[in-house]
PDB file of N, CA and C in Angstrom:
ATOM      1  N   UNK A   1      79.511  85.855  92.755  1.00  0.00           N
ATOM      2  CA  UNK A   1      80.482  86.001  94.051  1.00  0.00           C
ATOM      3  C   UNK A   1      80.309  85.230  95.248  1.00  0.00           C
ATOM      4  N   UNK A   2      81.284  85.088  96.100  1.00  0.00           N
ATOM      5  CA  UNK A   2      81.325  83.909  97.524  1.00  0.00           C
ATOM      6  C   UNK A   2      81.789  84.797  98.437  1.00  0.00           C
ATOM      7  N   UNK A   3      81.468  84.508  99.697  1.00  0.00           N
ATOM      8  CA  UNK A   3      81.481  85.482 101.187  1.00  0.00           C
ATOM      9  C   UNK A   3      82.766  84.566 101.465  1.00  0.00           C
ATOM     10  N   UNK A   4      82.795  85.525 102.375  1.00  0.00           N
ATOM     11  CA  UNK A   4      84.390  85.141 103.207  1.00  0.00           C
ATOM     12  C   UNK A   4      84.377  85.891 104.574  1.00  0.00           C
ATOM     13  N   UNK A   5      84.502  85.264 105.730  1.00  0.00           N
ATOM     14  CA  UNK A   5      84.745  85.237 106.677  1.00  0.00           C
ATOM     15  C   UNK A   5      86.187  86.110 107.155  1.00  0.00           C
ATOM     16  N   UNK A   6      86.412  86.721 107.815  1.00  0.00           N
ATOM     17  CA  UNK A   6      87.727  87.259 108.275  1.00  0.00           C
ATOM     18  C   UNK A   6      87.733  87.357 109.894  1.00  0.00           C
ATOM     19  N   UNK A   7      88.671  86.480 110.746  1.00  0.00           N
ATOM     20  CA  UNK A   7      88.718  86.799 111.836  1.00  0.00           C
ATOM     21  C   UNK A   7      90.367  87.753 111.918  1.00  0.00           C
ATOM     22  N   UNK A   8      89.898  89.033 112.537  1.00  0.00           N
ATOM     23  CA  UNK A   8      90.411  89.929 112.852  1.00  0.00           C
ATOM     24  C   UNK A   8      90.264  89.725 114.439  1.00  0.00           C
ATOM     25  N   UNK A   9      92.444  89.840 115.158  1.00  0.00           N
ATOM     26  CA  UNK A   9      93.062  90.062 115.793  1.00  0.00           C
ATOM     27  C   UNK A   9      93.581  90.780 116.362  1.00  0.00           C
ATOM     28  N   UNK A  10      93.841  91.511 117.551  1.00  0.00           N
ATOM     29  CA  UNK A  10      95.141  92.638 117.936  1.00  0.00           C
ATOM     30  C   UNK A  10      96.380  91.780 118.049  1.00  0.00           C
ATOM     31  N   UNK A  11      97.170  92.905 117.698  1.00  0.00           N
ATOM     32  CA  UNK A  11      98.918  91.862 117.768  1.00  0.00           C
ATOM     33  C   UNK A  11      99.265  92.027 118.846  1.00  0.00           C
ATOM     34  N   UNK A  12      98.613  92.533 120.100  1.00  0.00           N
ATOM     35  CA  UNK A  12      98.870  91.855 121.470  1.00  0.00           C
ATOM     36  C   UNK A  12      98.150  92.155 122.495  1.00  0.00           C
ATOM     37  N   UNK A  13      97.901  91.504 123.727  1.00  0.00           N
ATOM     38  CA  UNK A  13      97.125  91.449 124.554  1.00  0.00           C
ATOM     39  C   UNK A  13      96.727  92.712 124.748  1.00  0.00           C
ATOM     40  N   UNK A  14      95.262  92.780 125.376  1.00  0.00           N
ATOM     41  CA  UNK A  14      94.947  94.098 126.136  1.00  0.00           C
ATOM     42  C   UNK A  14      94.919  95.020 125.429  1.00  0.00           C
ATOM     43  N   UNK A  15      94.690  95.469 124.354  1.00  0.00           N
ATOM     44  CA  UNK A  15      94.764  96.285 123.107  1.00  0.00           C
ATOM     45  C   UNK A  15      93.880  97.223 123.517  1.00  0.00           C
ATOM     46  N   UNK A  16      92.827  97.141 123.724  1.00  0.00           N
ATOM     47  CA  UNK A  16      91.979  98.459 124.287  1.00  0.00           C
ATOM     48  C   UNK A  16      91.927  99.402 125.364  1.00  0.00           C
ATOM     49  N   UNK A  17      93.210  98.479 126.194  1.00  0.00           N
ATOM     50  CA  UNK A  17      93.283  99.068 127.817  1.00  0.00           C
ATOM     51  C   UNK A  17      95.054  99.840 127.462  1.00  0.00           C
ATOM     52  N   UNK A  18      95.560  99.594 126.325  1.00  0.00           N
ATOM     53  CA  UNK A  18      96.910 100.089 126.382  1.00  0.00           C
ATOM     54  C   UNK A  18      96.834 100.955 124.645  1.00  0.00           C
ATOM     55  N   UNK A  19      96.080 100.996 124.068  1.00  0.00           N
ATOM     56  CA  UNK A  19      95.912 101.440 122.813  1.00  0.00           C
ATOM     57  C   UNK A  19      96.689 102.716 122.355  1.00  0.00           C
ATOM     58  N   UNK A  20      97.728 103.264 121.973  1.00  0.00           N
ATOM     59  CA  UNK A  20      98.065 104.713 121.779  1.00  0.00           C
ATOM     60  C   UNK A  20      97.790 105.332 120.728  1.00  0.00           C
ATOM     61  N   UNK A  21      97.827 106.270 120.780  1.00  0.00           N
ATOM     62  CA  UNK A  21      97.015 107.618 120.214  1.00  0.00           C
ATOM     63  C   UNK A  21      96.959 107.219 118.595  1.00  0.00           C
ATOM     64  N   UNK A  22      98.579 106.654 118.402  1.00  0.00           N
ATOM     65  CA  UNK A  22      99.117 106.423 117.101  1.00  0.00           C
ATOM     66  C   UNK A  22      97.536 105.276 115.956  1.00  0.00           C
ATOM     67  N   UNK A  23      98.068 104.261 116.844  1.00  0.00           N
ATOM     68  CA  UNK A  23      96.722 103.259 117.109  1.00  0.00           C
ATOM     69  C   UNK A  23      95.577 103.664 116.454  1.00  0.00           C
ATOM     70  N   UNK A  24      94.894 104.368 117.627  1.00  0.00           N
ATOM     71  CA  UNK A  24      93.598 104.878 117.593  1.00  0.00           C
ATOM     72  C   UNK A  24      93.423 105.302 116.261  1.00  0.00           C
ATOM     73  N   UNK A  25      94.304 105.694 115.797  1.00  0.00           N
ATOM     74  CA  UNK A  25      94.046 106.454 114.289  1.00  0.00           C
ATOM     75  C   UNK A  25      93.675 105.878 113.224  1.00  0.00           C
ATOM     76  N   UNK A  26      94.967 104.632 113.526  1.00  0.00           N
ATOM     77  CA  UNK A  26      94.811 103.738 112.140  1.00  0.00           C
ATOM     78  C   UNK A  26      93.565 102.627 112.524  1.00  0.00           C
ATOM     79  N   UNK A  27      92.669 102.614 114.023  1.00  0.00           N
ATOM     80  CA  UNK A  27      91.802 101.694 114.188  1.00  0.00           C
ATOM     81  C   UNK A  27      90.602 102.906 113.683  1.00  0.00           C
ATOM     82  N   UNK A  28      90.468 103.786 113.516  1.00  0.00           N
ATOM     83  CA  UNK A  28      89.607 104.889 113.023  1.00  0.00           C
ATOM     84  C   UNK A  28      89.388 104.654 111.156  1.00  0.00           C
ATOM     85  N   UNK A  29      91.014 104.892 110.669  1.00  0.00           N
ATOM     86  CA  UNK A  29      91.226 104.280 109.308  1.00  0.00           C
ATOM     87  C   UNK A  29      90.573 103.078 109.066  1.00  0.00           C
ATOM     88  N   UNK A  30      90.922 101.869 109.845  1.00  0.00           N
ATOM     89  CA  UNK A  30      90.183 101.003 109.467  1.00  0.00           C
ATOM     90  C   UNK A  30      88.935 100.838 108.953  1.00  0.00           C
ATOM     91  N   UNK A  31      87.833 101.175 110.815  1.00  0.00           N
ATOM     92  CA  UNK A  31      86.800 101.697 110.215  1.00  0.00           C
ATOM     93  C   UNK A  31      86.399 102.083 109.539  1.00  0.00           C
ATOM     94  N   UNK A  32      86.923 103.042 108.854  1.00  0.00           N
ATOM     95  CA  UNK A  32      85.870 103.958 107.456  1.00  0.00           C
ATOM     96  C   UNK A  32      86.334 103.322 106.077  1.00  0.00           C
ATOM     97  N   UNK A  33      87.703 101.777 106.307  1.00  0.00           N
ATOM     98  CA  UNK A  33      87.877 101.694 105.211  1.00  0.00           C
ATOM     99  C   UNK A  33      86.672 100.650 105.243  1.00  0.00           C
ATOM    100  N   UNK A  34      86.167 100.256 106.225  1.00  0.00           N
ATOM    101  CA  UNK A  34      85.068  98.820 106.130  1.00  0.00           C
ATOM    102  C   UNK A  34      84.111  99.798 105.736  1.00  0.00           C
ATOM    103  N   UNK A  35      83.798 100.905 105.847  1.00  0.00           N
ATOM    104  CA  UNK A  35      82.473 101.384 105.331  1.00  0.00           C
ATOM    105  C   UNK A  35      82.817 101.435 103.973  1.00  0.00           C
ATOM    106  N   UNK A  36      83.767 101.938 103.330  1.00  0.00           N
ATOM    107  CA  UNK A  36      84.225 102.211 102.090  1.00  0.00           C
ATOM    108  C   UNK A  36      83.650 101.018 101.172  1.00  0.00           C
ATOM    109  N   UNK A  37      83.809  99.534 101.880  1.00  0.00           N
ATOM    110  CA  UNK A  37      83.933  98.461 101.309  1.00  0.00           C
ATOM    111  C   UNK A  37      81.763  97.972 101.213  1.00  0.00           C
ATOM    112  N   UNK A  38      81.507  98.497 102.521  1.00  0.00           N
ATOM    113  CA  UNK A  38      80.057  98.127 102.461  1.00  0.00           C
ATOM    114  C   UNK A  38      79.219  99.328 101.465  1.00  0.00           C
ATOM    115  N   UNK A  39      79.983 100.647 101.010  1.00  0.00           N
ATOM    116  CA  UNK A  39      79.275 101.086 100.013  1.00  0.00           C
ATOM    117  C   UNK A  39      79.765 100.476  98.854  1.00  0.00           C
ATOM    118  N   UNK A  40      80.499 100.005  98.550  1.00  0.00           N
ATOM    119  CA  UNK A  40      81.212  99.247  97.679  1.00  0.00           C
ATOM    120  C   UNK A  40      80.553  97.468  97.171  1.00  0.00           C
ATOM    121  N   UNK A  41      79.550  97.620  98.575  1.00  0.00           N
ATOM    122  CA  UNK A  41      78.922  96.321  98.402  1.00  0.00           C
ATOM    123  C   UNK A  41      79.919  95.073  98.383  1.00  0.00           C
ATOM    124  N   UNK A  42      81.133  95.239  99.031  1.00  0.00           N
ATOM    125  CA  UNK A  42      81.960  93.993  99.677  1.00  0.00           C
ATOM    126  C   UNK A  42      81.909  93.787 100.854  1.00  0.00           C
ATOM    127  N   UNK A  43      81.451  94.395 101.731  1.00  0.00           N
ATOM    128  CA  UNK A  43      81.145  93.939 103.154  1.00  0.00           C
ATOM    129  C   UNK A  43      79.361  94.003 103.172  1.00  0.00           C
ATOM    130  N   UNK A  44      79.575  92.526 104.201  1.00  0.00           N
ATOM    131  CA  UNK A  44      78.060  92.295 104.827  1.00  0.00           C
ATOM    132  C   UNK A  44      77.987  92.417 106.197  1.00  0.00           C
ATOM    133  N   UNK A  45      78.809  92.814 106.639  1.00  0.00           N
ATOM    134  CA  UNK A  45      79.225  92.606 108.003  1.00  0.00           C
ATOM    135  C   UNK A  45      80.380  93.065 108.867  1.00  0.00           C
ATOM    136  N   UNK A  46      80.593  93.370 110.135  1.00  0.00           N
ATOM    137  CA  UNK A  46      81.883  93.970 110.602  1.00  0.00           C
ATOM    138  C   UNK A  46      81.417  93.846 112.049  1.00  0.00           C
ATOM    139  N   UNK A  47      82.078  93.332 112.871  1.00  0.00           N
ATOM    140  CA  UNK A  47      81.960  94.153 114.391  1.00  0.00           C
ATOM    141  C   UNK A  47      83.154  93.029 114.967  1.00  0.00           C
ATOM    142  N   UNK A  48      83.165  93.546 116.296  1.00  0.00           N
ATOM    143  CA  UNK A  48      84.161  92.749 117.096  1.00  0.00           C
ATOM    144  C   UNK A  48      83.200  92.242 118.570  1.00  0.00           C
ATOM    145  N   UNK A  49      84.449  91.459 119.405  1.00  0.00           N
ATOM    146  CA  UNK A  49      84.025  91.097 120.729  1.00  0.00           C
ATOM    147  C   UNK A  49      84.017  92.363 121.415  1.00  0.00           C
ATOM    148  N   UNK A  50      83.291  92.523 122.537  1.00  0.00           N
ATOM    149  CA  UNK A  50      83.017  93.647 123.280  1.00  0.00           C
ATOM    150  C   UNK A  50      84.017  93.358 123.920  1.00  0.00           C
ATOM    151  N   UNK A  51      85.057  92.433 124.770  1.00  0.00           N
ATOM    152  CA  UNK A  51      86.675  92.222 125.125  1.00  0.00           C
ATOM    153  C   UNK A  51      87.718  92.571 124.124  1.00  0.00           C
ATOM    154  N   UNK A  52      87.287  92.619 122.809  1.00  0.00           N
ATOM    155  CA  UNK A  52      88.501  93.262 121.554  1.00  0.00           C
ATOM    156  C   UNK A  52      89.042  92.121 121.619  1.00  0.00           C
ATOM    157  N   UNK A  53      88.935  91.039 121.558  1.00  0.00           N
ATOM    158  CA  UNK A  53      89.681  89.607 121.505  1.00  0.00           C
ATOM    159  C   UNK A  53      89.910  89.504 120.187  1.00  0.00           C
ATOM    160  N   UNK A  54      88.552  89.334 119.632  1.00  0.00           N
ATOM    161  CA  UNK A  54      88.732  89.483 118.114  1.00  0.00           C
ATOM    162  C   UNK A  54      87.632  90.266 117.301  1.00  0.00           C
ATOM    163  N   UNK A  55      87.786  90.125 116.099  1.00  0.00           N
ATOM    164  CA  UNK A  55      86.459  91.103 115.502  1.00  0.00           C
ATOM    165  C   UNK A  55      85.986  89.898 114.432  1.00  0.00           C
ATOM    166  N   UNK A  56      84.960  90.250 113.549  1.00  0.00           N
ATOM    167  CA  UNK A  56      84.770  90.082 112.613  1.00  0.00           C
ATOM    168  C   UNK A  56      84.315  90.515 111.386  1.00  0.00           C
ATOM    169  N   UNK A  57      84.538  89.751 109.873  1.00  0.00           N
ATOM    170  CA  UNK A  57      84.384  90.625 108.857  1.00  0.00           C
ATOM    171  C   UNK A  57      83.280  89.839 108.378  1.00  0.00           C
ATOM    172  N   UNK A  58      82.631  89.531 107.411  1.00  0.00           N
ATOM    173  CA  UNK A  58      82.180  89.122 106.099  1.00  0.00           C
ATOM    174  C   UNK A  58      82.303  89.656 104.939  1.00  0.00           C
ATOM    175  N   UNK A  59      83.090  89.308 104.102  1.00  0.00           N
ATOM    176  CA  UNK A  59      83.008  90.263 102.725  1.00  0.00           C
ATOM    177  C   UNK A  59      82.670  89.363 101.241  1.00  0.00           C
ATOM    178  N   UNK A  60      82.521  89.653 100.629  1.00  0.00           N
ATOM    179  CA  UNK A  60      81.788  89.415  98.942  1.00  0.00           C
ATOM    180  C   UNK A  60      83.337  89.515  98.413  1.00  0.00           C
ATOM    181  N   UNK A  61      83.426  88.526  97.614  1.00  0.00           N
ATOM    182  CA  UNK A  61      84.557  88.391  96.333  1.00  0.00           C
ATOM    183  C   UNK A  61      84.222  87.478  95.407  1.00  0.00           C
ATOM    184  N   UNK A  62      85.030  87.453  94.489  1.00  0.00           N
ATOM    185  CA  UNK A  62      84.934  86.483  93.572  1.00  0.00           C
ATOM    186  C   UNK A  62      85.479  85.229  94.008  1.00  0.00           C
ATOM    187  N   UNK A  63      86.820  85.335  94.927  1.00  0.00           N
ATOM    188  CA  UNK A  63      87.821  84.155  94.688  1.00  0.00           C
ATOM    189  C   UNK A  63      88.364  84.315  96.081  1.00  0.00           C
ATOM    190  N   UNK A  64      89.015  83.701  96.595  1.00  0.00           N
ATOM    191  CA  UNK A  64      89.498  83.535  97.995  1.00  0.00           C
ATOM    192  C   UNK A  64      91.257  84.454  97.721  1.00  0.00           C
ATOM    193  N   UNK A  65      91.583  84.653  96.834  1.00  0.00           N
ATOM    194  CA  UNK A  65      92.786  85.718  96.598  1.00  0.00           C
ATOM    195  C   UNK A  65      92.324  87.147  96.348  1.00  0.00           C
ATOM    196  N   UNK A  66      90.628  87.221  95.930  1.00  0.00           N
ATOM    197  CA  UNK A  66      90.864  88.824  96.109  1.00  0.00           C
ATOM    198  C   UNK A  66      90.138  88.710  97.433  1.00  0.00           C
ATOM    199  N   UNK A  67      89.633  88.365  97.885  1.00  0.00           N
ATOM    200  CA  UNK A  67      89.024  88.346  99.775  1.00  0.00           C
ATOM    201  C   UNK A  67      90.667  88.807 100.268  1.00  0.00           C
ATOM    202  N   UNK A  68      91.592  88.042 100.097  1.00  0.00           N
ATOM    203  CA  UNK A  68      92.637  87.936 100.855  1.00  0.00           C
ATOM    204  C   UNK A  68      93.268  89.445 100.597  1.00  0.00           C
ATOM    205  N   UNK A  69      93.802  89.913  99.277  1.00  0.00           N
ATOM    206  CA  UNK A  69      93.914  90.969  98.815  1.00  0.00           C
ATOM    207  C   UNK A  69      92.879  92.679  99.876  1.00  0.00           C
ATOM    208  N   UNK A  70      91.708  92.262  99.919  1.00  0.00           N
ATOM    209  CA  UNK A  70      90.873  93.743 100.187  1.00  0.00           C
ATOM    210  C   UNK A  70      90.963  93.472 101.645  1.00  0.00           C
ATOM    211  N   UNK A  71      91.109  92.391 101.827  1.00  0.00           N
ATOM    212  CA  UNK A  71      91.813  92.300 103.836  1.00  0.00           C
ATOM    213  C   UNK A  71      93.121  93.084 103.559  1.00  0.00           C
ATOM    214  N   UNK A  72      93.869  92.340 103.337  1.00  0.00           N
ATOM    215  CA  UNK A  72      95.228  93.115 103.465  1.00  0.00           C
ATOM    216  C   UNK A  72      95.586  94.499 103.112  1.00  0.00           C
ATOM    217  N   UNK A  73      94.448  95.295 102.230  1.00  0.00           N
ATOM    218  CA  UNK A  73      94.626  96.184 101.903  1.00  0.00           C
ATOM    219  C   UNK A  73      94.253  97.118 103.472  1.00  0.00           C
ATOM    220  N   UNK A  74      93.521  96.346 104.309  1.00  0.00           N
ATOM    221  CA  UNK A  74      92.874  97.280 105.522  1.00  0.00           C
ATOM    222  C   UNK A  74      94.277  97.977 106.162  1.00  0.00           C
ATOM    223  N   UNK A  75      93.669  99.123 106.887  1.00  0.00           N
ATOM    224  CA  UNK A  75      95.066 100.195 107.151  1.00  0.00           C
ATOM    225  C   UNK A  75      95.217  99.483 108.434  1.00  0.00           C
ATOM    226  N   UNK A  76      94.412  98.425 109.391  1.00  0.00           N
ATOM    227  CA  UNK A  76      95.133  97.996 110.344  1.00  0.00           C
ATOM    228  C   UNK A  76      95.852  96.875 110.118  1.00  0.00           C
ATOM    229  N   UNK A  77      95.419  95.902 109.379  1.00  0.00           N
ATOM    230  CA  UNK A  77      96.573  94.919 108.876  1.00  0.00           C
ATOM    231  C   UNK A  77      97.546  95.265 108.314  1.00  0.00           C
ATOM    232  N   UNK A  78      97.808  96.102 107.061  1.00  0.00           N
ATOM    233  CA  UNK A  78      98.966  96.787 107.204  1.00  0.00           C
ATOM    234  C   UNK A  78      99.915  97.372 107.562  1.00  0.00           C
ATOM    235  N   UNK A  79      99.215  97.621 108.848  1.00  0.00           N
ATOM    236  CA  UNK A  79     100.192  98.711 109.918  1.00  0.00           C
ATOM    237  C   UNK A  79     100.341  97.519 110.350  1.00  0.00           C
ATOM    238  N   UNK A  80     100.011  96.185 111.017  1.00  0.00           N
ATOM    239  CA  UNK A  80     100.182  95.074 111.950  1.00  0.00           C
ATOM    240  C   UNK A  80      99.670  95.174 113.068  1.00  0.00           C
ATOM    241  N   UNK A  81      98.940  96.210 112.989  1.00  0.00           N
ATOM    242  CA  UNK A  81      97.653  96.692 114.636  1.00  0.00           C
ATOM    243  C   UNK A  81      96.984  95.554 114.681  1.00  0.00           C
ATOM    244  N   UNK A  82      96.230  94.330 113.255  1.00  0.00           N
ATOM    245  CA  UNK A  82      95.846  93.422 113.541  1.00  0.00           C
ATOM    246  C   UNK A  82      96.289  92.545 112.566  1.00  0.00           C
ATOM    247  N   UNK A  83      95.936  91.273 113.206  1.00  0.00           N
ATOM    248  CA  UNK A  83      96.073  89.769 111.837  1.00  0.00           C
ATOM    249  C   UNK A  83      95.267  89.708 111.390  1.00  0.00           C
ATOM    250  N   UNK A  84      94.903  88.826 110.335  1.00  0.00           N
ATOM    251  CA  UNK A  84      93.737  88.552 109.718  1.00  0.00           C
ATOM    252  C   UNK A  84      93.606  87.576 108.932  1.00  0.00           C
ATOM    253  N   UNK A  85      93.320  86.071 109.266  1.00  0.00           N
ATOM    254  CA  UNK A  85      92.835  85.607 108.759  1.00  0.00           C
ATOM    255  C   UNK A  85      91.380  85.092 107.526  1.00  0.00           C
ATOM    256  N   UNK A  86      91.907  84.737 106.645  1.00  0.00           N
ATOM    257  CA  UNK A  86      90.484  84.570 105.755  1.00  0.00           C
ATOM    258  C   UNK A  86      90.439  83.112 105.933  1.00  0.00           C
ATOM    259  N   UNK A  87      88.359  83.544 105.802  1.00  0.00           N
ATOM    260  CA  UNK A  87      88.063  81.534 105.224  1.00  0.00           C
ATOM    261  C   UNK A  87      86.767  81.410 104.276  1.00  0.00           C
ATOM    262  N   UNK A  88      86.947  80.771 103.555  1.00  0.00           N
ATOM    263  CA  UNK A  88      85.602  80.421 102.836  1.00  0.00           C
ATOM    264  C   UNK A  88      84.436  80.537 103.463  1.00  0.00           C
ATOM    265  N   UNK A  89      83.267  80.994 103.397  1.00  0.00           N
ATOM    266  CA  UNK A  89      82.135  81.251 104.473  1.00  0.00           C
ATOM    267  C   UNK A  89      80.741  81.121 103.418  1.00  0.00           C
ATOM    268  N   UNK A  90      79.698  80.548 104.087  1.00  0.00           N
ATOM    269  CA  UNK A  90      78.273  80.540 103.208  1.00  0.00           C
ATOM    270  C   UNK A  90      76.983  80.891 104.616  1.00  0.00           C
ATOM    271  N   UNK A  91      76.584  82.019 104.225  1.00  0.00           N
ATOM    272  CA  UNK A  91      75.885  82.879 105.192  1.00  0.00           C
ATOM    273  C   UNK A  91      74.480  81.554 105.153  1.00  0.00           C
ATOM    274  N   UNK A  92      73.713  81.667 106.154  1.00  0.00           N
ATOM    275  CA  UNK A  92      72.819  80.491 105.875  1.00  0.00           C
ATOM    276  C   UNK A  92      72.063  81.444 106.299  1.00  0.00           C
ATOM    277  N   UNK A  93      71.593  82.421 107.264  1.00  0.00           N
ATOM    278  CA  UNK A  93      70.900  83.306 107.834  1.00  0.00           C
ATOM    279  C   UNK A  93      71.217  84.615 108.133  1.00  0.00           C
ATOM    280  N   UNK A  94      70.205  85.336 107.442  1.00  0.00           N
ATOM    281  CA  UNK A  94      70.632  86.765 107.715  1.00  0.00           C
ATOM    282  C   UNK A  94      68.998  87.605 108.685  1.00  0.00           C
ATOM    283  N   UNK A  95      69.282  88.417 109.411  1.00  0.00           N
ATOM    284  CA  UNK A  95      68.045  89.341 109.817  1.00  0.00           C
ATOM    285  C   UNK A  95      67.960  90.331 109.274  1.00  0.00           C
ATOM    286  N   UNK A  96      66.225  89.829 108.491  1.00  0.00           N
ATOM    287  CA  UNK A  96      66.205  91.488 108.175  1.00  0.00           C
ATOM    288  C   UNK A  96      66.242  93.063 108.914  1.00  0.00           C
ATOM    289  N   UNK A  97      65.661  92.755 109.869  1.00  0.00           N
ATOM    290  CA  UNK A  97      65.378  94.242 110.489  1.00  0.00           C
ATOM    291  C   UNK A  97      65.848  93.794 112.007  1.00  0.00           C
ATOM    292  N   UNK A  98      66.970  94.133 112.521  1.00  0.00           N
ATOM    293  CA  UNK A  98      67.548  93.606 114.243  1.00  0.00           C
ATOM    294  C   UNK A  98      66.954  94.778 114.785  1.00  0.00           C
ATOM    295  N   UNK A  99      66.633  94.397 115.942  1.00  0.00           N
ATOM    296  CA  UNK A  99      66.870  95.510 116.860  1.00  0.00           C
ATOM    297  C   UNK A  99      67.884  96.326 117.509  1.00  0.00           C
ATOM    298  N   UNK A 100      67.612  97.494 117.463  1.00  0.00           N
ATOM    299  CA  UNK A 100      68.851  98.831 117.799  1.00  0.00           C
ATOM    300  C   UNK A 100      69.156  98.282 119.489  1.00  0.00           C
TER     301      UNK A 100
END
């Protein structure tokens, strides 16, 4: 299995400040989709910048085509709330016990 970094970007500036209720629902679906990937051992981590300029997702897949397919099924990508760019990635260090 290989690792892939996915950069997610909102499709418009000031997304958080101008989010519509329908978009907020899609973002919630996006969150639950990522949780499902984690449950299936396909997700290493997911998060976003505080200013929401981009998000980062690290996924596990056999090849780039599979990683792209996984992220293309993300509700926020499918509904064009976020764009996604997938990059082959090699995780070098991962903390076991992060402070909360």
